[in-house]
N, C-alpha and C. Protein backbone atom coordinates (compact mmCIF):
# COMPACT_ATOMS: atom_id res chain seq x y z
N MET A 1 -1.74 -1.33 63.23
CA MET A 1 -2.45 -1.60 62.11
C MET A 1 -1.95 -0.50 60.98
N MET A 2 -2.03 0.91 61.10
CA MET A 2 -2.07 2.13 60.42
C MET A 2 -0.60 1.96 59.57
N MET A 3 0.28 1.34 60.37
CA MET A 3 1.77 1.19 59.93
C MET A 3 1.91 -0.10 58.65
N GLN A 4 1.28 -1.02 59.03
CA GLN A 4 1.29 -2.25 58.28
C GLN A 4 0.41 -1.89 56.98
N CYS A 5 -0.72 -1.10 57.07
CA CYS A 5 -1.52 -0.94 55.81
C CYS A 5 -0.46 0.23 54.85
N CYS A 6 -0.12 1.29 55.66
CA CYS A 6 0.85 1.96 54.77
C CYS A 6 2.23 1.43 54.40
N ALA A 7 2.48 0.44 54.97
CA ALA A 7 3.90 -0.40 54.32
C ALA A 7 3.33 -1.43 53.03
N ALA A 8 2.30 -1.96 53.38
CA ALA A 8 1.66 -2.72 52.29
C ALA A 8 1.22 -1.99 51.15
N ARG A 9 0.53 -0.66 51.20
CA ARG A 9 0.47 0.06 50.32
C ARG A 9 1.46 0.47 49.65
N SER A 10 2.82 1.00 50.05
CA SER A 10 3.87 1.57 49.55
C SER A 10 4.63 0.31 48.76
N GLN A 11 4.71 -1.10 49.66
CA GLN A 11 5.04 -2.54 48.87
C GLN A 11 4.21 -2.60 47.63
N CYS A 12 2.80 -2.50 47.59
CA CYS A 12 2.20 -2.42 46.60
C CYS A 12 2.38 -1.48 45.31
N MET A 13 2.81 -0.35 45.77
CA MET A 13 2.81 0.60 44.85
C MET A 13 4.31 0.40 44.23
N SER A 14 5.25 0.02 44.88
CA SER A 14 6.39 -0.41 44.12
C SER A 14 6.33 -1.72 43.12
N HIS A 15 5.17 -2.42 43.21
CA HIS A 15 5.44 -3.50 42.66
C HIS A 15 4.71 -3.16 41.11
N ALA A 16 3.75 -2.01 41.36
CA ALA A 16 2.99 -1.41 40.28
C ALA A 16 3.81 -0.44 39.51
N ALA A 17 4.78 -0.11 39.92
CA ALA A 17 5.72 0.71 39.22
C ALA A 17 6.16 0.06 37.90
N PRO A 18 6.97 -0.70 38.12
CA PRO A 18 7.34 -1.70 37.24
C PRO A 18 6.26 -2.28 36.16
N GLN A 19 4.96 -2.55 36.67
CA GLN A 19 3.94 -3.24 35.51
C GLN A 19 3.56 -1.55 34.86
N ARG A 20 3.52 -0.70 35.64
CA ARG A 20 3.19 0.55 34.86
C ARG A 20 4.22 0.67 33.86
N GLU A 21 5.50 0.63 34.24
CA GLU A 21 6.38 1.02 32.93
C GLU A 21 6.58 -0.16 32.01
N ALA A 22 6.19 -1.31 32.26
CA ALA A 22 6.18 -2.16 31.32
C ALA A 22 4.89 -1.90 30.40
N GLY A 23 3.80 -1.53 30.92
CA GLY A 23 2.65 -1.48 30.17
C GLY A 23 2.88 -0.14 29.32
N SER A 24 3.42 0.98 29.67
CA SER A 24 3.74 2.28 28.69
C SER A 24 4.82 1.46 27.74
N PHE A 25 5.65 1.04 28.19
CA PHE A 25 6.54 0.28 27.10
C PHE A 25 6.05 -0.24 26.24
N ALA A 26 4.92 -1.27 26.49
CA ALA A 26 4.32 -2.02 25.22
C ALA A 26 3.54 -1.13 24.53
N ARG A 27 3.02 -0.19 25.32
CA ARG A 27 1.78 0.73 24.37
C ARG A 27 2.58 1.49 23.25
N PHE A 28 3.98 2.10 23.76
CA PHE A 28 4.95 2.84 23.11
C PHE A 28 5.26 1.99 22.01
N PHE A 29 5.60 0.55 22.12
CA PHE A 29 6.10 -0.45 21.23
C PHE A 29 5.20 -0.58 20.30
N LEU A 30 3.69 -0.72 20.85
CA LEU A 30 2.65 -1.34 20.05
C LEU A 30 2.04 0.16 19.10
N ASN A 31 2.31 1.47 19.74
CA ASN A 31 2.08 2.49 18.83
C ASN A 31 3.17 2.27 17.66
N TYR A 32 4.23 2.20 17.99
CA TYR A 32 5.40 2.28 16.96
C TYR A 32 5.02 1.29 15.94
N ALA A 33 4.90 0.08 16.30
CA ALA A 33 4.62 -0.89 15.57
C ALA A 33 3.62 -0.87 14.66
N MET A 34 2.44 -0.19 15.06
CA MET A 34 1.20 0.37 14.39
C MET A 34 1.61 1.31 13.31
N MET A 35 2.53 2.28 13.63
CA MET A 35 2.87 3.12 12.60
C MET A 35 3.61 2.37 11.70
N ASP A 36 4.63 1.67 11.83
CA ASP A 36 5.23 1.08 11.01
C ASP A 36 4.27 0.27 10.04
N THR A 37 3.50 -0.73 10.79
CA THR A 37 2.60 -1.13 9.47
C THR A 37 1.95 -0.38 8.68
N ILE A 38 1.43 0.38 9.29
CA ILE A 38 0.43 1.47 8.45
C ILE A 38 1.54 2.29 7.40
N LEU A 39 2.53 2.80 8.05
CA LEU A 39 3.60 3.32 6.82
C LEU A 39 3.92 2.32 5.61
N LEU A 40 4.02 0.79 5.94
CA LEU A 40 4.36 0.01 5.02
C LEU A 40 2.97 -0.22 3.99
N VAL A 41 1.94 -0.41 4.72
CA VAL A 41 0.56 -0.43 4.19
C VAL A 41 0.86 0.51 3.12
N SER A 42 0.68 1.78 3.41
CA SER A 42 0.55 2.91 2.76
C SER A 42 1.45 3.04 1.63
N ILE A 43 2.70 2.54 1.66
CA ILE A 43 3.94 2.41 0.87
C ILE A 43 3.38 1.59 -0.23
N PHE A 44 2.95 0.25 -0.04
CA PHE A 44 2.50 -0.68 -0.82
C PHE A 44 1.43 -0.28 -1.57
N ALA A 45 0.28 0.40 -0.93
CA ALA A 45 -0.99 0.93 -1.85
C ALA A 45 -0.50 1.93 -2.81
N ILE A 46 0.28 2.64 -2.26
CA ILE A 46 0.76 3.79 -3.44
C ILE A 46 1.48 3.12 -4.53
N LEU A 47 2.52 2.12 -4.14
CA LEU A 47 3.16 1.43 -5.56
C LEU A 47 2.26 0.87 -6.22
N LEU A 48 1.54 0.28 -5.60
CA LEU A 48 0.08 -0.89 -5.91
C LEU A 48 -0.50 -0.08 -7.19
N GLY A 49 -0.78 1.44 -6.73
CA GLY A 49 -1.48 2.19 -7.52
C GLY A 49 -0.70 2.67 -8.66
N VAL A 50 0.44 3.10 -8.42
CA VAL A 50 1.38 3.52 -9.61
C VAL A 50 1.50 2.57 -10.71
N THR A 51 2.02 1.31 -10.21
CA THR A 51 1.93 -0.06 -10.88
C THR A 51 0.84 -0.10 -11.96
N VAL A 52 -0.37 -0.08 -11.25
CA VAL A 52 -1.55 -0.09 -11.98
C VAL A 52 -1.79 0.97 -13.14
N LEU A 53 -1.64 2.25 -12.41
CA LEU A 53 -1.34 3.16 -13.42
C LEU A 53 -0.54 3.14 -14.87
N LEU A 54 0.85 2.77 -14.67
CA LEU A 54 1.74 2.68 -15.59
C LEU A 54 1.02 1.50 -16.26
N SER A 55 0.76 0.48 -15.96
CA SER A 55 0.40 -0.90 -16.74
C SER A 55 -0.84 -0.59 -17.41
N THR A 56 -1.92 -0.03 -16.99
CA THR A 56 -2.84 0.80 -17.71
C THR A 56 -2.48 1.54 -19.01
N ARG A 57 -1.81 2.66 -18.46
CA ARG A 57 -1.02 3.55 -19.74
C ARG A 57 -0.44 2.63 -20.59
N ILE A 58 0.38 1.55 -20.10
CA ILE A 58 0.94 0.82 -21.32
C ILE A 58 0.06 -0.01 -22.15
N ILE A 59 -1.16 -0.39 -21.78
CA ILE A 59 -2.13 -1.28 -22.17
C ILE A 59 -2.67 -0.60 -22.98
N LEU A 60 -3.04 1.07 -22.57
CA LEU A 60 -3.83 1.88 -23.53
C LEU A 60 -3.14 2.11 -25.03
N ALA A 61 -1.55 2.07 -24.40
CA ALA A 61 -0.71 2.62 -25.50
C ALA A 61 -0.52 1.57 -26.51
N ALA A 62 -0.69 0.26 -26.31
CA ALA A 62 -0.70 -0.92 -27.10
C ALA A 62 -1.83 -0.95 -27.88
N LEU A 63 -2.86 -1.05 -27.36
CA LEU A 63 -4.08 -1.07 -27.73
C LEU A 63 -4.24 0.41 -28.97
N LEU A 64 -3.82 1.44 -28.66
CA LEU A 64 -3.89 2.39 -29.47
C LEU A 64 -3.21 2.03 -30.75
N ALA A 65 -1.74 1.71 -30.13
CA ALA A 65 -0.85 1.46 -31.66
C ALA A 65 -1.40 0.45 -32.42
N VAL A 66 -1.88 -0.80 -31.83
CA VAL A 66 -2.99 -1.80 -32.36
C VAL A 66 -3.85 -1.37 -33.56
N LEU A 67 -4.68 -0.38 -32.84
CA LEU A 67 -5.71 0.06 -33.63
C LEU A 67 -5.17 1.00 -34.94
N VAL A 68 -4.00 1.63 -34.80
CA VAL A 68 -3.50 2.64 -35.73
C VAL A 68 -3.07 1.62 -36.99
N ILE A 69 -2.17 0.59 -36.42
CA ILE A 69 -1.51 -0.19 -37.36
C ILE A 69 -2.90 -0.90 -38.18
N LEU A 70 -4.00 -1.43 -37.54
CA LEU A 70 -5.06 -1.95 -38.35
C LEU A 70 -5.81 -0.55 -38.96
N GLY A 71 -6.10 0.38 -38.66
CA GLY A 71 -6.32 1.49 -39.54
C GLY A 71 -5.25 1.50 -40.92
N VAL A 72 -4.39 1.66 -40.88
CA VAL A 72 -3.33 1.80 -41.72
C VAL A 72 -3.47 0.77 -42.86
N MET A 73 -3.55 -0.44 -42.28
CA MET A 73 -3.78 -1.77 -42.88
C MET A 73 -5.14 -1.77 -43.59
N VAL A 74 -6.01 -1.43 -43.29
CA VAL A 74 -7.40 -1.58 -43.62
C VAL A 74 -7.60 -0.39 -44.82
N GLN A 75 -6.89 0.73 -44.27
CA GLN A 75 -6.75 1.85 -45.25
C GLN A 75 -5.91 1.59 -46.94
N ARG A 76 -4.88 0.83 -46.63
CA ARG A 76 -4.00 0.47 -47.82
C ARG A 76 -4.68 -0.81 -48.58
N THR A 77 -5.55 -1.43 -47.86
CA THR A 77 -6.19 -2.58 -48.96
C THR A 77 -7.29 -1.86 -49.36
N GLN A 78 -7.82 -0.63 -48.91
CA GLN A 78 -9.05 -0.30 -49.46
C GLN A 78 -8.45 0.61 -50.88
N LEU A 79 -7.35 1.34 -50.46
CA LEU A 79 -6.84 2.36 -51.72
C LEU A 79 -6.26 1.39 -53.11
N SER A 80 -5.84 0.31 -52.73
CA SER A 80 -5.20 -0.59 -53.93
C SER A 80 -6.12 -0.80 -55.13
N PRO A 81 -5.47 -0.68 -56.19
CA PRO A 81 -6.48 -0.70 -57.50
C PRO A 81 -6.88 -2.32 -57.82
N PRO A 82 -7.94 -2.38 -58.26
CA PRO A 82 -8.32 -3.85 -58.52
C PRO A 82 -7.29 -4.60 -59.45
N SER A 83 -7.15 -5.57 -58.62
CA SER A 83 -5.86 -6.30 -59.73
C SER A 83 -6.54 -7.14 -60.93
N GLY A 84 -7.42 -7.02 -61.39
CA GLY A 84 -8.00 -7.50 -62.48
C GLY A 84 -7.70 -6.84 -63.89
N GLY A 85 -7.73 -5.94 -63.50
CA GLY A 85 -7.28 -4.89 -65.01
C GLY A 85 -8.22 -4.90 -66.25
N VAL A 86 -8.32 -3.80 -66.63
CA VAL A 86 -9.39 -4.32 -68.32
C VAL A 86 -8.46 -3.97 -69.30
């Protein structure tokens, strides 16, 4: 009886070893897949942030240019002499 129990246990252990290896491989693969996902999300977030910063600067520069042009136009219209003449 003892011999059968030991034989059954060793057989059970030999079947469990590939399952443990498969489990560790799955964990290893999931860890790397998760790290790749986190890396891709981080890169995407950084690129999105840079794009937003650049587009914000471009928009602010365009608004500033429009304000300067409007200011120059308003100043020229105020400085022009009256066209009626005396």
